[in-house]
Amino acid sequence: MVNTVYSDEERGTQDKESKEESILAMLGIIGTILNLLVIIFVYIYTT
C-alpha cells in the first residue's frame, strides 16, 4: 500500500516539479514545431 499523505513542503515540491515538467514539455513541442517549419522552409527554397 502506498502512503499518499504528503506534508505541505513535499506537496509544494511536487507542484513545482510538475510545473517545471509541463514547461519543459511545452518547450520541447514548440522546438519540434519550429524545427519542422525550418525543414519545410529549407526544402521549399532549395528545390
C-alpha atoms as a PDB file:
ATOM      1  CA  MET A   1       0.000   0.000   0.000  1.00  0.00           C
ATOM      2  CA  VAL A   2       1.347   3.418  -0.934  1.00  0.00           C
ATOM      3  CA  ASN A   3       1.302   6.284   1.542  1.00  0.00           C
ATOM      4  CA  THR A   4      -0.291   9.219  -0.294  1.00  0.00           C
ATOM      5  CA  VAL A   5      -0.256  11.703   2.590  1.00  0.00           C
ATOM      6  CA  TYR A   6       2.265  14.468   1.938  1.00  0.00           C
ATOM      7  CA  SER A   7       3.396  17.331   4.098  1.00  0.00           C
ATOM      8  CA  ASP A   8       2.942  20.873   2.792  1.00  0.00           C
ATOM      9  CA  GLU A   9       6.642  21.064   1.893  1.00  0.00           C
ATOM     10  CA  GLU A  10       6.543  17.829  -0.133  1.00  0.00           C
ATOM     11  CA  ARG A  11       3.359  18.924  -1.886  1.00  0.00           C
ATOM     12  CA  GLY A  12       4.935  22.276  -2.789  1.00  0.00           C
ATOM     13  CA  THR A  13       7.980  20.488  -4.169  1.00  0.00           C
ATOM     14  CA  GLN A  14       5.803  18.163  -6.241  1.00  0.00           C
ATOM     15  CA  ASP A  15       3.766  21.095  -7.595  1.00  0.00           C
ATOM     16  CA  LYS A  16       6.976  22.908  -8.554  1.00  0.00           C
ATOM     17  CA  GLU A  17       8.394  19.807 -10.264  1.00  0.00           C
ATOM     18  CA  SER A  18       5.106  19.239 -12.079  1.00  0.00           C
ATOM     19  CA  LYS A  19       5.102  22.843 -13.305  1.00  0.00           C
ATOM     20  CA  GLU A  20       8.726  22.564 -14.451  1.00  0.00           C
ATOM     21  CA  GLU A  21       7.975  19.333 -16.297  1.00  0.00           C
ATOM     22  CA  SER A  22       4.997  20.875 -18.083  1.00  0.00           C
ATOM     23  CA  ILE A  23       7.086  23.894 -19.111  1.00  0.00           C
ATOM     24  CA  LEU A  24       9.856  21.658 -20.436  1.00  0.00           C
ATOM     25  CA  ALA A  25       7.328  19.541 -22.321  1.00  0.00           C
ATOM     26  CA  MET A  26       5.812  22.676 -23.877  1.00  0.00           C
ATOM     27  CA  LEU A  27       9.252  23.946 -24.878  1.00  0.00           C
ATOM     28  CA  GLY A  28      10.021  20.576 -26.453  1.00  0.00           C
ATOM     29  CA  ILE A  29       6.825  20.679 -28.502  1.00  0.00           C
ATOM     30  CA  ILE A  30       7.480  24.270 -29.609  1.00  0.00           C
ATOM     31  CA  GLY A  31      11.056  23.372 -30.558  1.00  0.00           C
ATOM     32  CA  THR A  32       9.861  20.406 -32.594  1.00  0.00           C
ATOM     33  CA  ILE A  33       7.333  22.539 -34.472  1.00  0.00           C
ATOM     34  CA  LEU A  34       9.960  25.203 -35.196  1.00  0.00           C
ATOM     35  CA  ASN A  35      12.373  22.563 -36.475  1.00  0.00           C
ATOM     36  CA  LEU A  36       9.698  21.199 -38.800  1.00  0.00           C
ATOM     37  CA  LEU A  37       8.979  24.706 -40.113  1.00  0.00           C
ATOM     38  CA  VAL A  38      12.682  25.274 -40.793  1.00  0.00           C
ATOM     39  CA  ILE A  39      12.950  21.930 -42.603  1.00  0.00           C
ATOM     40  CA  ILE A  40       9.917  22.743 -44.768  1.00  0.00           C
ATOM     41  CA  PHE A  41      11.234  26.257 -45.479  1.00  0.00           C
ATOM     42  CA  VAL A  42      14.664  24.973 -46.497  1.00  0.00           C
ATOM     43  CA  TYR A  43      13.106  22.210 -48.608  1.00  0.00           C
ATOM     44  CA  ILE A  44      10.877  24.681 -50.492  1.00  0.00           C
ATOM     45  CA  TYR A  45      13.667  27.176 -51.193  1.00  0.00           C
ATOM     46  CA  THR A  46      16.276  24.622 -52.214  1.00  0.00           C
ATOM     47  CA  THR A  47      14.144  22.825 -54.804  1.00  0.00           C
END
